[in-house]
């Protein structure tokens, strides 16, 4: 099984469909961009900390923790 086997579609109440898939290392730039758009209060509420930047090490470690060892790219 690879990470793509874990992807799935979800239909929202308003009719839109989202594709949900595991995080990948190449998602780091988009995650960093999204993190920078959060307010300090949103960061504190979501992550229980106050950094202004998403550390690479934490993101990569989190991504690898989510993907089964045999499915890593």
N, C-alpha and C. Protein backbone atom coordinates (compact mmCIF):
# COMPACT_ATOMS: atom_id res chain seq x y z
N UNK A 1 0.85 -1.17 0.00
CA UNK A 1 0.00 0.00 0.00
C UNK A 1 0.90 1.24 0.00
N UNK A 2 0.58 2.21 -0.86
CA UNK A 2 1.33 3.46 -0.83
C UNK A 2 0.39 4.57 -0.35
N UNK A 3 0.95 5.76 -0.19
CA UNK A 3 0.19 6.88 0.37
C UNK A 3 -1.03 7.22 -0.47
N UNK A 4 -0.97 7.02 -1.79
CA UNK A 4 -2.12 7.32 -2.65
C UNK A 4 -3.30 6.41 -2.36
N UNK A 5 -3.04 5.20 -1.85
CA UNK A 5 -4.12 4.30 -1.50
C UNK A 5 -4.94 4.82 -0.31
N UNK A 6 -4.38 5.74 0.44
CA UNK A 6 -5.06 6.28 1.61
C UNK A 6 -5.91 7.50 1.28
N UNK A 7 -5.89 7.97 0.03
CA UNK A 7 -6.67 9.13 -0.38
C UNK A 7 -8.14 8.75 -0.51
N UNK A 8 -9.01 9.73 -0.30
CA UNK A 8 -10.44 9.49 -0.44
C UNK A 8 -11.17 10.80 -0.70
N UNK A 9 -12.40 10.68 -1.18
CA UNK A 9 -13.23 11.86 -1.46
C UNK A 9 -14.27 12.02 -0.36
N UNK A 10 -14.56 13.27 -0.04
CA UNK A 10 -15.56 13.60 0.96
C UNK A 10 -16.50 14.64 0.36
N UNK A 11 -17.79 14.41 0.47
CA UNK A 11 -18.77 15.39 0.00
C UNK A 11 -19.22 16.23 1.18
N UNK A 12 -19.13 17.55 1.01
CA UNK A 12 -19.54 18.49 2.06
C UNK A 12 -21.04 18.73 2.00
N UNK A 13 -21.58 19.27 3.07
CA UNK A 13 -23.02 19.52 3.15
C UNK A 13 -23.50 20.45 2.03
N UNK A 14 -22.61 21.35 1.56
CA UNK A 14 -23.03 22.28 0.50
C UNK A 14 -22.86 21.68 -0.90
N UNK A 15 -22.46 20.40 -0.99
CA UNK A 15 -22.35 19.72 -2.28
C UNK A 15 -20.94 19.67 -2.85
N UNK A 16 -20.03 20.48 -2.32
CA UNK A 16 -18.65 20.43 -2.82
C UNK A 16 -18.00 19.11 -2.44
N UNK A 17 -17.05 18.68 -3.26
CA UNK A 17 -16.31 17.45 -2.99
C UNK A 17 -14.85 17.80 -2.74
N UNK A 18 -14.29 17.25 -1.67
CA UNK A 18 -12.89 17.43 -1.34
C UNK A 18 -12.16 16.11 -1.48
N UNK A 19 -10.92 16.16 -1.94
CA UNK A 19 -10.07 14.97 -1.96
C UNK A 19 -9.16 15.07 -0.75
N UNK A 20 -9.22 14.10 0.12
CA UNK A 20 -8.39 14.05 1.31
C UNK A 20 -7.28 13.04 1.09
N UNK A 21 -6.03 13.43 1.36
CA UNK A 21 -4.91 12.53 1.18
C UNK A 21 -3.89 12.79 2.27
N UNK A 22 -3.00 11.86 2.51
CA UNK A 22 -1.96 12.08 3.52
C UNK A 22 -1.04 13.22 3.11
N UNK A 23 -0.46 13.88 4.11
CA UNK A 23 0.53 14.92 3.85
C UNK A 23 1.76 14.31 3.20
N UNK A 24 2.44 15.11 2.39
CA UNK A 24 3.69 14.69 1.75
C UNK A 24 4.76 15.74 2.05
N UNK A 25 5.99 15.35 1.97
CA UNK A 25 7.09 16.28 2.20
C UNK A 25 7.01 17.46 1.24
N UNK A 26 6.59 17.23 0.02
CA UNK A 26 6.50 18.33 -0.96
C UNK A 26 5.38 19.32 -0.63
N UNK A 27 4.57 19.03 0.39
CA UNK A 27 3.53 19.96 0.84
C UNK A 27 4.09 21.05 1.75
N UNK A 28 5.36 20.96 2.11
CA UNK A 28 5.96 21.87 3.08
C UNK A 28 5.78 23.34 2.70
N UNK A 29 6.02 23.72 1.46
CA UNK A 29 5.90 25.13 1.04
C UNK A 29 4.46 25.63 1.22
N UNK A 30 3.48 24.83 0.83
CA UNK A 30 2.08 25.24 0.97
C UNK A 30 1.68 25.31 2.45
N UNK A 31 2.17 24.38 3.26
CA UNK A 31 1.88 24.42 4.69
C UNK A 31 2.48 25.67 5.34
N UNK A 32 3.70 25.99 4.95
CA UNK A 32 4.36 27.17 5.51
C UNK A 32 3.57 28.43 5.11
N UNK A 33 3.13 28.50 3.86
CA UNK A 33 2.36 29.66 3.40
C UNK A 33 1.05 29.78 4.19
N UNK A 34 0.35 28.68 4.36
CA UNK A 34 -0.90 28.70 5.10
C UNK A 34 -0.67 29.10 6.55
N UNK A 35 0.40 28.60 7.15
CA UNK A 35 0.73 28.92 8.54
C UNK A 35 0.99 30.41 8.70
N UNK A 36 1.67 31.03 7.73
CA UNK A 36 1.98 32.45 7.82
C UNK A 36 0.73 33.33 7.74
N UNK A 37 -0.34 32.78 7.20
CA UNK A 37 -1.59 33.55 7.09
C UNK A 37 -2.41 33.52 8.38
N UNK A 38 -2.06 32.65 9.33
CA UNK A 38 -2.78 32.56 10.59
C UNK A 38 -2.43 33.75 11.48
N UNK A 39 -3.40 34.18 12.27
CA UNK A 39 -3.13 35.22 13.27
C UNK A 39 -2.42 34.57 14.45
N UNK A 40 -1.72 35.38 15.27
CA UNK A 40 -1.09 34.81 16.47
C UNK A 40 -2.10 34.07 17.36
N UNK A 41 -3.30 34.58 17.46
CA UNK A 41 -4.34 33.92 18.29
C UNK A 41 -4.74 32.57 17.68
N UNK A 42 -4.89 32.50 16.36
CA UNK A 42 -5.23 31.24 15.70
C UNK A 42 -4.13 30.20 15.92
N UNK A 43 -2.88 30.64 15.85
CA UNK A 43 -1.76 29.72 16.08
C UNK A 43 -1.82 29.18 17.49
N UNK A 44 -2.03 30.06 18.45
CA UNK A 44 -2.08 29.63 19.84
C UNK A 44 -3.22 28.64 20.07
N UNK A 45 -4.39 28.91 19.50
CA UNK A 45 -5.54 28.03 19.69
C UNK A 45 -5.36 26.68 19.00
N UNK A 46 -4.73 26.67 17.83
CA UNK A 46 -4.57 25.43 17.07
C UNK A 46 -3.41 24.57 17.54
N UNK A 47 -2.30 25.24 17.90
CA UNK A 47 -1.06 24.51 18.18
C UNK A 47 -0.59 24.63 19.63
N UNK A 48 -1.28 25.44 20.43
CA UNK A 48 -0.91 25.67 21.82
C UNK A 48 0.51 26.20 21.97
N UNK A 49 0.95 27.00 21.01
CA UNK A 49 2.24 27.67 21.05
C UNK A 49 2.17 28.93 20.22
N UNK A 50 3.26 29.71 20.23
CA UNK A 50 3.23 31.00 19.56
C UNK A 50 4.36 31.25 18.56
N UNK A 51 4.78 30.31 17.77
CA UNK A 51 5.82 30.63 16.79
C UNK A 51 5.22 31.42 15.63
N UNK A 52 6.03 32.20 14.95
CA UNK A 52 5.55 32.93 13.77
C UNK A 52 5.90 32.17 12.50
N UNK A 53 6.66 31.12 12.61
CA UNK A 53 7.08 30.36 11.44
C UNK A 53 6.96 28.88 11.75
N UNK A 54 6.57 28.10 10.77
CA UNK A 54 6.42 26.66 10.96
C UNK A 54 7.78 26.01 10.74
N UNK A 55 8.39 25.43 11.78
CA UNK A 55 9.72 24.84 11.63
C UNK A 55 9.72 23.63 10.70
N UNK A 56 10.68 23.56 9.76
CA UNK A 56 10.78 22.44 8.83
C UNK A 56 10.80 21.11 9.54
N UNK A 57 11.62 21.01 10.58
CA UNK A 57 11.78 19.74 11.26
C UNK A 57 10.45 19.23 11.79
N UNK A 58 9.65 20.09 12.39
CA UNK A 58 8.36 19.68 12.94
C UNK A 58 7.41 19.21 11.86
N UNK A 59 7.39 19.89 10.72
CA UNK A 59 6.49 19.50 9.63
C UNK A 59 6.90 18.16 9.04
N UNK A 60 8.17 18.00 8.75
CA UNK A 60 8.64 16.75 8.15
C UNK A 60 8.42 15.59 9.11
N UNK A 61 8.69 15.81 10.39
CA UNK A 61 8.47 14.76 11.40
C UNK A 61 6.98 14.40 11.46
N UNK A 62 6.11 15.39 11.41
CA UNK A 62 4.67 15.14 11.47
C UNK A 62 4.20 14.40 10.22
N UNK A 63 4.72 14.77 9.07
CA UNK A 63 4.33 14.10 7.82
C UNK A 63 4.73 12.63 7.88
N UNK A 64 5.95 12.36 8.29
CA UNK A 64 6.40 10.97 8.35
C UNK A 64 5.67 10.16 9.40
N UNK A 65 5.21 10.81 10.45
CA UNK A 65 4.44 10.11 11.48
C UNK A 65 3.07 9.71 10.96
N UNK A 66 2.55 10.45 9.99
CA UNK A 66 1.22 10.17 9.45
C UNK A 66 1.22 9.10 8.37
N UNK A 67 2.35 8.90 7.71
CA UNK A 67 2.43 7.96 6.58
C UNK A 67 3.01 6.64 7.07
N UNK A 68 2.32 5.53 6.83
CA UNK A 68 2.88 4.24 7.23
C UNK A 68 4.25 4.03 6.62
N UNK A 69 5.16 3.40 7.35
CA UNK A 69 6.55 3.24 6.92
C UNK A 69 6.67 2.64 5.52
N UNK A 70 5.86 1.66 5.18
CA UNK A 70 5.94 1.01 3.87
C UNK A 70 5.40 1.85 2.74
N UNK A 71 4.71 2.95 3.07
CA UNK A 71 4.09 3.78 2.02
C UNK A 71 4.86 5.06 1.76
N UNK A 72 5.94 5.30 2.46
CA UNK A 72 6.69 6.55 2.29
C UNK A 72 7.36 6.60 0.95
N UNK A 73 7.35 7.81 0.35
CA UNK A 73 7.96 8.02 -0.96
C UNK A 73 9.44 8.29 -0.82
